[in-house]
Amino acid sequence: MTYQEALAYLEQASSFGIKPGLERITALMDVLGNPQEDYKNVHVTGTNGKGSVTSYISYALFTSGLRVGRFTSPHLQSYTERIQINDGNITEEAFGKLISRVKVAVDTIISNGIEAPTQFEILTAAAFLFFKDQGVDYAVVEVGLGGLLDSTNIVTPKVSVITNVTIDHQAYCGDTVEEIARHKAGIIKPNVPVVTAAQDTPLNIIEDVAKKQHAKLYVFNKDFGIDSRSAVTGGQMITVSSNDAALAMLFTTMAGIHQSVNLACALMAVRLLMKEDTNISEETMREGFARTTWAGRFEVKRGLDRTFIFDGAHNAAGAESFAMTYNELFKDTPKTVVMAILRDKDQEAIIREVVKSGDTVLVVPAPTDRTEVPENLVEVIRRTVPKVMAQTAESVEAALALAYKHTKTGDIIAVCGSLYILGDARQWFFHEMSH
């Protein structure tokens, strides 16, 4: 397959929707020879922060001289972002060939009477196969949805991470935080250590599952925590303490208190790997953390005489993190917001955190059938936040052009509410910068 043919095949597979369960992926990996068993795995889930933690761990490992595969979702601009070796995406040519090989296995399991796999299951299989082809030492694998029934949950990792647990994806993981916590805790494997920053009831559930699985649990604010954090040029310095190791002074380019928690979780996970792998040292780990980047996570870009912020803020917890980080960096400076929110999200909760009185909001459709109709979202914004100017725009690009036209030097333009619009927004920004 060419890359375009692979995209067409994946688009066709997306018509099967989201179907939690491990029967299809298990059958698919059996046909492919279970490549995920040929290297060490790290498994990461959580409502928010799992992509950042995946990135931190990956950078720490490959900066230590190891060959590292990374599987994340969703992508911002290209499917090739989802499958990486060290800090480089798979090429389009390799992606096409890889999907072609997986299609042969898909056809085999269908002929054996197994239901057709979903798009995400095909991508999971492709990533695991590619990592074996590339001879990785580790694969750092981000859960797609939940954990228990997610297609990535066929790996037996060296360490598992559950960043946090809040309400999201209720249609697939349950309507309560307890049900969602049980799904996240589903990645806990027998005798495999677990790192978590979950709190309250979700933590109780995770503790219960870990105990039953005889999995050693490391809990944020109990076994490790943040002693101090301070903003410095280009990022923040964080001091992390733990019960069984020296203080770690870490630098990250990523802003916000939520990123300091993510970094602390990554530190604990890498230190657990360090116990068995002499390639990893405190020095290489710190260097890896300092080099870590993760697009679209309170990503601040200065250009076109404006300050642009690209952030998902796609659920209530993510929106709260956006608000805290914005306030920390920009206080109560009014901003122009380019926004889309999906229908199945807590729209009012996101809007209350992201949009403040005095802001201007341009609402656009996200490129998915789950997007809220912009006109409807404008009404929710006007109803939720007083003294705000809200209107629709036909596209992200049109909204950004309008935002640029009606702002002045030094103003702030934030793109948020859905990861689905960040790819087009970043592409617009870099295109305008190049011209």
Protein backbone atom coordinates (compact mmCIF):
# COMPACT_ATOMS: atom_id res chain seq x y z
CA MET A 1 0.00 0.00 0.00
CA THR A 2 0.96 3.60 -0.52
CA TYR A 3 0.41 6.01 2.38
CA GLN A 4 -2.79 7.31 0.75
CA GLU A 5 -4.08 3.77 0.24
CA ALA A 6 -3.35 3.04 3.90
CA LEU A 7 -5.34 6.12 4.94
CA ALA A 8 -8.27 5.00 2.78
CA TYR A 9 -8.15 1.55 4.39
CA LEU A 10 -8.08 3.07 7.90
CA GLU A 11 -10.95 5.37 7.02
CA GLN A 12 -12.97 2.34 5.93
CA ALA A 13 -12.09 0.59 9.20
CA SER A 14 -13.27 3.63 11.19
CA SER A 15 -16.82 2.82 10.08
CA PHE A 16 -16.75 -0.05 12.60
CA GLY A 17 -16.60 2.59 15.34
CA ILE A 18 -15.21 2.11 18.86
CA LYS A 19 -15.70 -1.42 20.19
CA PRO A 20 -13.97 -2.10 23.51
CA GLY A 21 -12.79 -5.69 23.95
CA LEU A 22 -9.67 -7.81 23.51
CA GLU A 23 -10.90 -10.71 21.32
CA ARG A 24 -10.13 -9.05 17.98
CA ILE A 25 -6.72 -7.62 18.92
CA THR A 26 -5.70 -10.92 20.56
CA ALA A 27 -6.56 -12.86 17.40
CA LEU A 28 -4.79 -10.28 15.24
CA MET A 29 -1.60 -10.36 17.29
CA ASP A 30 -1.61 -14.18 17.31
CA VAL A 31 -1.54 -14.15 13.49
CA LEU A 32 1.28 -11.57 13.55
CA GLY A 33 3.31 -13.67 15.99
CA ASN A 34 2.73 -11.51 19.10
CA PRO A 35 5.56 -9.04 18.39
CA GLN A 36 4.68 -7.07 21.55
CA GLU A 37 6.35 -9.84 23.57
CA ASP A 38 9.76 -9.23 21.96
CA TYR A 39 10.64 -6.03 23.87
CA LYS A 40 9.99 -4.35 27.20
CA ASN A 41 6.83 -2.27 27.54
CA VAL A 42 5.69 0.66 29.67
CA HIS A 43 1.90 1.13 29.76
CA VAL A 44 0.33 4.54 30.49
CA THR A 45 -3.31 5.48 31.07
CA GLY A 46 -5.25 8.27 32.79
CA THR A 47 -7.93 10.82 32.00
CA ASN A 48 -5.37 13.56 31.38
CA GLY A 49 -1.60 13.69 31.14
CA LYS A 50 -1.00 10.23 29.70
CA GLY A 51 0.46 11.59 26.46
CA SER A 52 2.81 13.90 28.35
CA VAL A 53 3.95 11.09 30.68
CA THR A 54 4.47 8.81 27.67
CA SER A 55 6.66 11.50 26.10
CA TYR A 56 8.68 12.15 29.27
CA ILE A 57 9.42 8.44 29.73
CA SER A 58 10.29 7.96 26.05
CA TYR A 59 12.74 10.87 26.02
CA ALA A 60 14.38 9.68 29.25
CA LEU A 61 14.91 6.20 27.80
CA PHE A 62 16.26 7.13 24.37
CA THR A 63 18.47 9.84 25.86
CA SER A 64 19.96 6.96 27.87
CA GLY A 65 21.05 5.36 24.59
CA LEU A 66 18.15 2.93 24.31
CA ARG A 67 16.02 2.40 21.21
CA VAL A 68 12.45 3.33 22.07
CA GLY A 69 9.11 2.93 20.32
CA ARG A 70 6.28 5.27 21.26
CA PHE A 71 2.58 4.74 20.49
CA THR A 72 0.21 7.65 21.16
CA SER A 73 -3.18 8.93 20.05
CA PRO A 74 -4.82 10.89 18.63
CA HIS A 75 -2.58 12.58 16.07
CA LEU A 76 -2.71 16.31 15.39
CA GLN A 77 -1.80 16.41 11.69
CA SER A 78 -0.68 12.98 10.45
CA TYR A 79 -1.21 9.34 11.37
CA THR A 80 2.58 8.97 11.29
CA GLU A 81 2.75 10.93 14.58
CA ARG A 82 1.20 7.96 16.40
CA ILE A 83 4.11 5.58 15.78
CA GLN A 84 7.56 6.89 16.66
CA ILE A 85 11.07 5.56 17.11
CA ASN A 86 12.96 7.76 19.58
CA ASP A 87 11.82 11.26 18.58
CA GLY A 88 11.09 10.56 14.90
CA ASN A 89 7.77 9.65 13.26
CA ILE A 90 7.45 6.59 11.07
CA THR A 91 7.79 7.59 7.40
CA GLU A 92 4.73 7.64 5.15
CA GLU A 93 6.28 4.93 2.96
CA ALA A 94 6.95 2.65 5.95
CA PHE A 95 3.47 3.36 7.32
CA GLY A 96 1.84 2.25 4.06
CA LYS A 97 3.85 -0.99 3.94
CA LEU A 98 3.10 -1.66 7.60
CA ILE A 99 -0.67 -1.26 7.25
CA SER A 100 -0.53 -3.53 4.18
CA ARG A 101 1.07 -6.29 6.28
CA VAL A 102 -1.51 -5.85 9.04
CA LYS A 103 -4.32 -6.02 6.46
CA VAL A 104 -3.19 -9.53 5.50
CA ALA A 105 -3.55 -10.57 9.15
CA VAL A 106 -6.93 -8.81 9.37
CA ASP A 107 -8.18 -10.74 6.34
CA THR A 108 -6.98 -13.96 7.98
CA ILE A 109 -8.87 -13.47 11.25
CA ILE A 110 -12.02 -12.41 9.39
CA SER A 111 -11.84 -15.60 7.31
CA ASN A 112 -11.58 -17.48 10.62
CA GLY A 113 -14.89 -16.00 11.76
CA ILE A 114 -13.53 -13.20 13.97
CA GLU A 115 -15.27 -9.82 13.78
CA ALA A 116 -13.45 -7.14 11.76
CA PRO A 117 -11.08 -5.13 13.97
CA THR A 118 -11.53 -1.41 14.57
CA GLN A 119 -9.26 1.29 13.21
CA PHE A 120 -7.52 1.69 16.57
CA GLU A 121 -6.92 -2.05 16.83
CA ILE A 122 -5.30 -2.04 13.38
CA LEU A 123 -3.07 0.88 14.40
CA THR A 124 -2.16 -0.83 17.68
CA ALA A 125 -1.16 -4.00 15.84
CA ALA A 126 0.82 -1.95 13.32
CA ALA A 127 2.73 -0.13 16.06
CA PHE A 128 3.62 -3.32 17.94
CA LEU A 129 4.77 -4.98 14.70
CA PHE A 130 6.86 -1.95 13.70
CA PHE A 131 8.54 -1.81 17.09
CA LYS A 132 9.68 -5.42 16.67
CA ASP A 133 10.91 -4.69 13.12
CA GLN A 134 12.90 -1.75 14.47
CA GLY A 135 14.48 -3.77 17.27
CA VAL A 136 13.38 -1.47 20.07
CA ASP A 137 14.51 -2.03 23.64
CA TYR A 138 11.32 -0.49 25.03
CA ALA A 139 7.90 0.51 23.78
CA VAL A 140 6.10 3.23 25.73
CA VAL A 141 2.43 2.67 25.01
CA GLU A 142 -0.38 5.13 25.67
CA VAL A 143 -3.84 3.65 26.21
CA GLY A 144 -6.40 4.77 23.66
CA LEU A 145 -9.54 4.63 25.80
CA GLY A 146 -9.97 3.53 29.41
CA GLY A 147 -7.61 0.62 29.95
CA LEU A 148 -9.32 -2.64 30.85
CA LEU A 149 -10.76 -3.33 27.38
CA ASP A 150 -8.40 -1.13 25.37
CA SER A 151 -6.54 -2.88 22.56
CA THR A 152 -3.17 -1.90 24.07
CA ASN A 153 -3.99 -3.96 27.17
CA ILE A 154 -2.43 -7.09 25.70
CA VAL A 155 1.04 -5.96 26.81
CA THR A 156 2.66 -7.11 30.04
CA PRO A 157 4.70 -4.04 30.99
CA LYS A 158 7.68 -3.50 33.25
CA VAL A 159 5.79 -0.64 34.89
CA SER A 160 2.28 0.80 34.56
CA VAL A 161 1.28 4.44 35.08
CA ILE A 162 -2.23 5.75 35.84
CA THR A 163 -1.92 9.53 35.77
CA ASN A 164 -5.31 10.54 37.16
CA VAL A 165 -8.99 9.63 36.99
CA THR A 166 -11.78 12.11 36.28
CA ILE A 167 -15.02 12.03 34.28
CA ASP A 168 -14.55 11.52 30.52
CA HIS A 169 -15.59 9.02 27.81
CA GLN A 170 -18.66 8.02 29.83
CA ALA A 171 -20.16 6.17 26.86
CA TYR A 172 -17.34 3.62 27.00
CA CYS A 173 -15.97 3.69 30.55
CA GLY A 174 -19.07 4.32 32.68
CA ASP A 175 -21.00 7.28 34.02
CA THR A 176 -19.29 7.51 37.41
CA VAL A 177 -15.73 8.18 38.45
CA GLU A 178 -15.76 4.78 40.20
CA GLU A 179 -16.57 2.93 36.96
CA ILE A 180 -13.95 4.93 35.06
CA ALA A 181 -11.36 4.15 37.76
CA ARG A 182 -12.05 0.43 37.38
CA HIS A 183 -11.40 0.72 33.64
CA LYS A 184 -8.13 2.58 34.22
CA ALA A 185 -7.08 0.09 36.91
CA GLY A 186 -7.64 -2.66 34.34
CA ILE A 187 -4.08 -2.14 33.05
CA ILE A 188 -2.63 -3.30 36.40
CA LYS A 189 -0.93 -6.67 35.88
CA PRO A 190 0.19 -9.26 38.45
CA ASN A 191 3.46 -8.27 40.16
CA VAL A 192 3.99 -5.24 37.88
CA PRO A 193 4.64 -1.97 39.78
CA VAL A 194 2.17 0.89 39.31
CA VAL A 195 2.69 4.65 39.60
CA THR A 196 -0.34 6.91 40.04
CA ALA A 197 -1.39 10.46 40.84
CA ALA A 198 -5.04 9.46 41.29
CA GLN A 199 -6.77 10.71 44.42
CA ASP A 200 -9.77 10.01 46.64
CA THR A 201 -12.24 7.31 45.51
CA PRO A 202 -10.36 6.44 42.27
CA LEU A 203 -7.20 5.91 44.32
CA ASN A 204 -9.07 3.56 46.67
CA ILE A 205 -10.17 1.47 43.69
CA ILE A 206 -6.65 1.44 42.21
CA GLU A 207 -5.23 0.42 45.59
CA ASP A 208 -7.73 -2.43 45.82
CA VAL A 209 -6.90 -3.75 42.33
CA ALA A 210 -3.15 -3.39 42.93
CA LYS A 211 -3.44 -5.36 46.17
CA LYS A 212 -5.33 -8.17 44.44
CA GLN A 213 -2.71 -8.26 41.66
CA HIS A 214 0.19 -8.14 44.15
CA ALA A 215 1.38 -5.04 42.29
CA LYS A 216 3.53 -2.58 44.26
CA LEU A 217 1.83 0.83 44.16
CA TYR A 218 3.60 4.21 44.23
CA VAL A 219 1.20 7.05 45.03
CA PHE A 220 1.72 10.78 44.41
CA ASN A 221 1.72 12.81 47.65
CA LYS A 222 2.36 9.62 49.62
CA ASP A 223 5.39 7.83 48.17
CA PHE A 224 6.62 10.77 46.10
CA GLY A 225 5.71 14.41 45.67
CA ILE A 226 6.69 17.89 44.56
CA ASP A 227 8.78 19.84 47.06
CA SER A 228 9.01 23.00 44.98
CA ARG A 229 8.43 24.41 41.53
CA SER A 230 9.37 27.74 39.99
CA ALA A 231 9.01 29.34 36.59
CA VAL A 232 12.30 29.90 34.77
CA THR A 233 13.18 31.04 31.26
CA GLY A 234 11.72 28.55 28.80
CA GLY A 235 9.91 26.36 31.31
CA GLN A 236 9.90 25.40 34.99
CA MET A 237 12.20 23.84 37.59
CA ILE A 238 10.68 21.14 39.77
CA THR A 239 12.08 19.41 42.83
CA VAL A 240 10.64 15.92 43.35
CA SER A 241 11.08 13.98 46.57
CA SER A 242 10.45 10.28 47.12
CA ASN A 243 10.63 7.90 50.05
CA ASP A 244 13.39 5.73 48.62
CA ALA A 245 15.61 8.09 46.58
CA ALA A 246 17.38 11.43 46.71
CA LEU A 247 15.72 14.71 45.77
CA ALA A 248 15.58 15.21 42.00
CA MET A 249 15.86 18.70 40.53
CA LEU A 250 14.25 18.60 37.08
CA PHE A 251 13.70 21.07 34.25
CA THR A 252 10.83 20.85 31.78
CA THR A 253 9.88 23.13 28.93
CA MET A 254 6.21 22.30 29.53
CA ALA A 255 4.26 24.78 31.63
CA GLY A 256 1.74 24.31 34.42
CA ILE A 257 1.40 22.58 37.76
CA HIS A 258 -0.26 19.62 36.00
CA GLN A 259 2.95 19.06 34.04
CA SER A 260 4.94 18.99 37.25
CA VAL A 261 2.70 16.14 38.46
CA ASN A 262 3.10 14.35 35.12
CA LEU A 263 6.86 14.75 35.37
CA ALA A 264 6.91 13.38 38.92
CA CYS A 265 5.00 10.29 37.75
CA ALA A 266 7.42 9.82 34.85
CA LEU A 267 10.36 10.15 37.25
CA MET A 268 9.03 7.36 39.46
CA ALA A 269 8.36 5.11 36.45
CA VAL A 270 11.84 5.61 35.00
CA ARG A 271 13.48 5.04 38.39
CA LEU A 272 11.65 1.71 38.61
CA LEU A 273 13.06 0.76 35.19
CA MET A 274 16.48 1.98 36.31
CA LYS A 275 16.57 -0.70 39.01
CA GLU A 276 16.86 -3.37 36.29
CA ASP A 277 18.52 -1.40 33.48
CA THR A 278 22.01 0.00 34.01
CA ASN A 279 21.79 1.98 30.74
CA ILE A 280 19.55 4.49 32.52
CA SER A 281 21.10 6.95 34.96
CA GLU A 282 19.81 9.92 36.94
CA GLU A 283 21.82 12.18 34.63
CA THR A 284 20.49 10.78 31.34
CA MET A 285 16.96 10.74 32.76
CA ARG A 286 17.15 14.42 33.74
CA GLU A 287 18.55 15.32 30.32
CA GLY A 288 15.73 13.40 28.62
CA PHE A 289 13.08 15.17 30.68
CA ALA A 290 14.61 18.55 29.81
CA ARG A 291 14.47 17.72 26.09
CA THR A 292 10.85 16.51 26.14
CA THR A 293 8.31 18.28 23.97
CA TRP A 294 4.65 17.43 23.39
CA ALA A 295 2.75 19.45 20.80
CA GLY A 296 -0.63 20.90 21.66
CA ARG A 297 -0.28 20.72 25.45
CA PHE A 298 -0.31 24.36 26.58
CA GLU A 299 2.12 24.96 23.75
CA VAL A 300 3.05 28.65 23.68
CA LYS A 301 4.32 30.07 20.38
CA ARG A 302 5.30 33.69 19.89
CA GLY A 303 5.05 34.96 16.35
CA LEU A 304 3.15 37.30 14.02
CA ASP A 305 3.48 39.87 16.85
CA ARG A 306 1.07 37.82 18.93
CA THR A 307 1.24 35.06 21.56
CA PHE A 308 -0.47 31.85 20.44
CA ILE A 309 -1.46 29.04 22.81
CA PHE A 310 -2.35 25.58 21.49
CA ASP A 311 -3.95 23.31 24.08
CA GLY A 312 -6.42 20.43 24.05
CA ALA A 313 -8.43 21.44 27.14
CA HIS A 314 -10.89 18.84 25.85
CA ASN A 315 -12.50 17.79 29.13
CA ALA A 316 -13.25 19.41 32.49
CA ALA A 317 -9.94 18.44 34.11
CA GLY A 318 -7.95 19.51 31.06
CA ALA A 319 -9.79 22.83 30.97
CA GLU A 320 -9.04 23.39 34.66
CA SER A 321 -5.34 22.78 33.96
CA PHE A 322 -5.53 25.27 31.09
CA ALA A 323 -7.08 27.90 33.37
CA MET A 324 -4.50 27.40 36.13
CA THR A 325 -1.58 27.55 33.71
CA TYR A 326 -2.99 30.57 31.87
CA ASN A 327 -3.47 32.44 35.13
CA GLU A 328 0.05 31.54 36.24
CA LEU A 329 1.64 32.84 33.03
CA PHE A 330 -0.72 35.61 31.86
CA LYS A 331 -2.82 36.54 34.93
CA ASP A 332 -6.22 37.91 33.88
CA THR A 333 -5.16 39.21 30.45
CA PRO A 334 -8.15 39.05 28.07
CA LYS A 335 -7.70 36.72 25.10
CA THR A 336 -9.25 35.65 21.84
CA VAL A 337 -10.27 31.98 21.92
CA VAL A 338 -10.69 29.77 18.85
CA MET A 339 -12.74 26.86 20.12
CA ALA A 340 -14.50 23.63 19.23
CA ILE A 341 -16.00 21.16 21.71
CA LEU A 342 -17.43 17.72 21.04
CA ARG A 343 -21.07 16.94 21.76
CA ASP A 344 -20.29 14.23 24.32
CA LYS A 345 -18.16 16.49 26.53
CA ASP A 346 -19.18 18.56 29.57
CA GLN A 347 -19.33 21.75 27.54
CA GLU A 348 -20.30 24.14 30.32
CA ALA A 349 -17.49 22.89 32.58
CA ILE A 350 -14.91 23.40 29.81
CA ILE A 351 -16.27 26.84 28.92
CA ARG A 352 -16.35 28.03 32.55
CA GLU A 353 -12.64 27.28 32.91
CA VAL A 354 -11.37 28.45 29.52
CA VAL A 355 -13.54 31.47 28.71
CA LYS A 356 -13.58 34.53 30.97
CA SER A 357 -15.54 37.78 30.89
CA GLY A 358 -13.95 40.15 28.39
CA ASP A 359 -12.74 37.36 26.10
CA THR A 360 -13.68 37.04 22.43
CA VAL A 361 -14.60 33.53 21.25
CA LEU A 362 -14.67 32.22 17.68
CA VAL A 363 -16.41 28.85 17.52
CA VAL A 364 -15.56 26.41 14.73
CA PRO A 365 -16.58 22.85 13.84
CA ALA A 366 -14.10 20.09 14.70
CA PRO A 367 -13.36 17.67 11.82
CA THR A 368 -15.37 14.80 13.33
CA ASP A 369 -19.03 13.85 13.35
CA ARG A 370 -18.89 14.16 17.15
CA THR A 371 -18.44 17.95 16.94
CA GLU A 372 -20.98 20.28 18.49
CA VAL A 373 -22.74 22.57 16.02
CA PRO A 374 -20.96 25.95 16.35
CA GLU A 375 -24.22 27.91 16.62
CA ASN A 376 -25.30 25.72 19.55
CA LEU A 377 -21.95 26.18 21.27
CA VAL A 378 -22.17 29.96 20.89
CA GLU A 379 -25.46 29.85 22.81
CA VAL A 380 -23.88 27.75 25.58
CA ILE A 381 -20.99 30.23 25.85
CA ARG A 382 -23.30 33.24 26.06
CA ARG A 383 -25.41 31.48 28.67
CA THR A 384 -22.40 30.38 30.74
CA VAL A 385 -20.08 33.41 30.74
CA PRO A 386 -21.24 37.05 31.08
CA LYS A 387 -19.76 39.87 29.01
CA VAL A 388 -18.22 37.69 26.35
CA MET A 389 -18.32 38.20 22.59
CA ALA A 390 -18.95 34.89 20.80
CA GLN A 391 -19.54 34.13 17.12
CA THR A 392 -19.00 31.30 14.65
CA ALA A 393 -16.40 30.88 11.92
CA GLU A 394 -16.52 28.33 9.12
CA SER A 395 -13.11 26.81 9.82
CA VAL A 396 -10.09 26.95 12.11
CA GLU A 397 -8.13 28.77 9.43
CA ALA A 398 -10.88 31.35 8.94
CA ALA A 399 -11.17 31.86 12.70
CA LEU A 400 -7.43 32.39 13.12
CA ALA A 401 -7.32 34.84 10.21
CA LEU A 402 -10.20 36.75 11.81
CA ALA A 403 -8.57 36.61 15.25
CA TYR A 404 -5.32 37.95 13.82
CA LYS A 405 -7.12 40.74 11.96
CA HIS A 406 -8.99 41.95 15.04
CA THR A 407 -6.13 41.75 17.54
CA LYS A 408 -3.07 43.91 17.95
CA THR A 409 0.61 43.47 18.73
CA GLY A 410 1.11 41.63 22.02
CA ASP A 411 -2.39 40.13 22.20
CA ILE A 412 -3.07 36.48 23.06
CA ILE A 413 -4.87 34.00 20.80
CA ALA A 414 -5.68 30.59 22.33
CA VAL A 415 -6.85 27.54 20.37
CA CYS A 416 -8.46 24.93 22.59
CA GLY A 417 -11.49 22.79 23.48
CA SER A 418 -10.65 19.83 21.25
CA LEU A 419 -7.47 18.09 20.11
CA TYR A 420 -9.15 17.67 16.72
CA ILE A 421 -8.61 21.34 15.76
CA LEU A 422 -5.00 21.72 16.91
CA GLY A 423 -3.43 20.18 13.82
CA ASP A 424 -5.06 22.66 11.44
CA ALA A 425 -4.35 25.53 13.86
CA ARG A 426 -0.65 24.73 14.17
CA GLN A 427 -0.39 24.23 10.41
CA TRP A 428 -1.95 27.68 9.85
CA PHE A 429 0.47 29.27 12.32
CA PHE A 430 3.61 27.74 10.83
CA HIS A 431 2.43 28.53 7.29
CA GLU A 432 1.86 32.18 8.20
CA MET A 433 5.21 32.34 9.99
CA SER A 434 7.00 31.02 6.91
CA HIS A 435 5.45 33.76 4.78
